[in-house]
Protein backbone atom coordinates (compact mmCIF):
# COMPACT_ATOMS: atom_id res chain seq x y z
CA ARG A 1 -43.48 35.15 -93.60
CA PRO A 2 -44.31 31.81 -91.90
CA MET A 3 -47.14 31.63 -89.32
CA THR A 4 -46.03 30.65 -85.95
CA HIS A 5 -47.08 26.83 -86.55
CA ASP A 6 -45.19 26.70 -89.97
CA LEU A 7 -42.02 27.95 -88.19
CA PHE A 8 -42.23 25.46 -85.49
CA GLU A 9 -43.04 22.63 -88.19
CA ASN A 10 -39.64 23.92 -90.05
CA PHE A 11 -38.05 23.33 -86.77
CA LEU A 12 -39.37 19.74 -86.34
CA ASP A 13 -38.63 19.08 -89.66
CA ASN A 14 -34.96 20.01 -89.17
CA SER A 15 -34.31 18.42 -85.75
CA ASP A 16 -34.81 15.08 -84.23
CA ALA A 17 -37.84 16.29 -82.18
CA SER A 18 -41.37 14.96 -82.77
CA ILE A 19 -44.50 15.88 -81.53
CA VAL A 20 -45.81 13.33 -78.69
CA TYR A 21 -49.44 14.86 -78.23
CA VAL A 22 -50.71 18.20 -77.96
CA SER A 23 -53.72 19.09 -75.37
CA VAL A 24 -56.24 21.92 -74.85
CA ASP A 25 -56.27 22.50 -71.45
CA SER A 26 -58.30 25.24 -70.06
CA LEU A 27 -59.91 28.36 -70.84
CA LYS A 28 -59.37 31.59 -68.77
CA SER A 29 -60.82 35.05 -69.37
CA ASP A 30 -62.09 33.99 -72.92
CA THR A 31 -58.56 32.68 -73.80
CA TYR A 32 -57.88 28.82 -74.42
CA TYR A 33 -54.73 27.31 -73.28
CA ALA A 34 -52.96 24.50 -74.85
CA THR A 35 -49.70 22.35 -74.18
CA ILE A 36 -47.59 20.76 -77.05
CA VAL A 37 -45.40 17.82 -75.92
CA VAL A 38 -42.42 17.35 -77.67
CA LYS A 39 -39.80 14.60 -77.46
CA ASN A 40 -36.14 15.13 -78.27
CA GLY A 41 -34.61 12.61 -76.17
CA GLU A 42 -36.33 13.82 -73.47
CA VAL A 43 -39.95 15.07 -73.14
CA THR A 44 -40.75 18.75 -72.79
CA LYS A 45 -44.18 20.53 -72.52
CA LEU A 46 -44.43 23.78 -74.20
CA ASP A 47 -47.33 26.21 -73.69
CA ALA A 48 -49.10 27.11 -76.92
CA ARG A 49 -51.77 28.60 -78.66
CA PRO A 50 -54.60 25.72 -79.47
CA SER A 51 -54.66 26.88 -82.70
CA ASP A 52 -51.19 26.15 -83.67
CA SER A 53 -51.02 22.99 -81.57
CA ILE A 54 -53.79 21.53 -83.49
CA ILE A 55 -52.60 22.24 -86.79
CA LEU A 56 -49.02 20.71 -85.92
CA ALA A 57 -50.87 17.80 -84.48
CA LEU A 58 -52.86 17.06 -87.47
CA LYS A 59 -49.68 17.65 -89.91
CA HIS A 60 -47.60 15.28 -87.77
CA GLY A 61 -50.42 12.67 -86.92
CA ALA A 62 -50.03 13.23 -83.09
CA PRO A 63 -53.14 12.85 -80.87
CA ILE A 64 -55.01 15.58 -79.83
CA PHE A 65 -56.64 15.94 -76.09
CA VAL A 66 -59.33 17.99 -74.78
CA ASN A 67 -59.88 18.32 -71.20
CA LYS A 68 -63.27 16.70 -70.62
CA ASP A 69 -64.60 19.43 -68.18
CA LEU A 70 -63.89 22.05 -70.75
CA LEU A 71 -65.93 20.23 -73.45
CA GLU A 72 -68.60 19.67 -71.08
CA ASP A 73 -68.61 23.28 -69.63
CA LYS A 74 -69.08 24.63 -73.29
CA GLY A 75 -72.30 22.08 -73.67
CA LEU A 76 -70.48 19.69 -75.74
CA SER A 77 -71.58 15.91 -74.59
CA LEU A 78 -69.20 13.16 -75.32
CA ASP A 79 -72.16 11.21 -76.08
CA ASN A 80 -72.54 12.93 -79.13
CA ILE A 81 -68.75 13.14 -80.47
CA ASP A 82 -66.84 10.10 -81.93
CA VAL A 83 -63.85 10.24 -79.96
CA LYS A 84 -61.66 7.75 -77.73
CA VAL A 85 -61.97 8.83 -74.29
CA GLU A 86 -58.78 8.23 -72.09
CA GLU A 87 -58.34 9.39 -68.67
CA ALA A 88 -54.62 9.53 -68.67
CA ARG A 89 -52.34 11.05 -71.07
CA PRO A 90 -48.94 9.55 -72.53
CA ALA A 91 -45.57 10.73 -71.29
């Protein structure tokens, strides 16, 4: 049986939809929250698990954004990470 990310990848592969980007947005009660932004004529934001979001972004070459405050709250300094820091996300 396909995993959730496999199912969504099959959907993407059989439609005109594409992933614009994914973002890991927040942590609430020990649960991380993410968004997958998909374009199929119009842009749609989908609530998703970070694990599924990141796998799909990697498979489709889409950018991955992580909330800067979330990283810093978990003790990760951007000084030690080789990333491009952007303040605003694309559509």
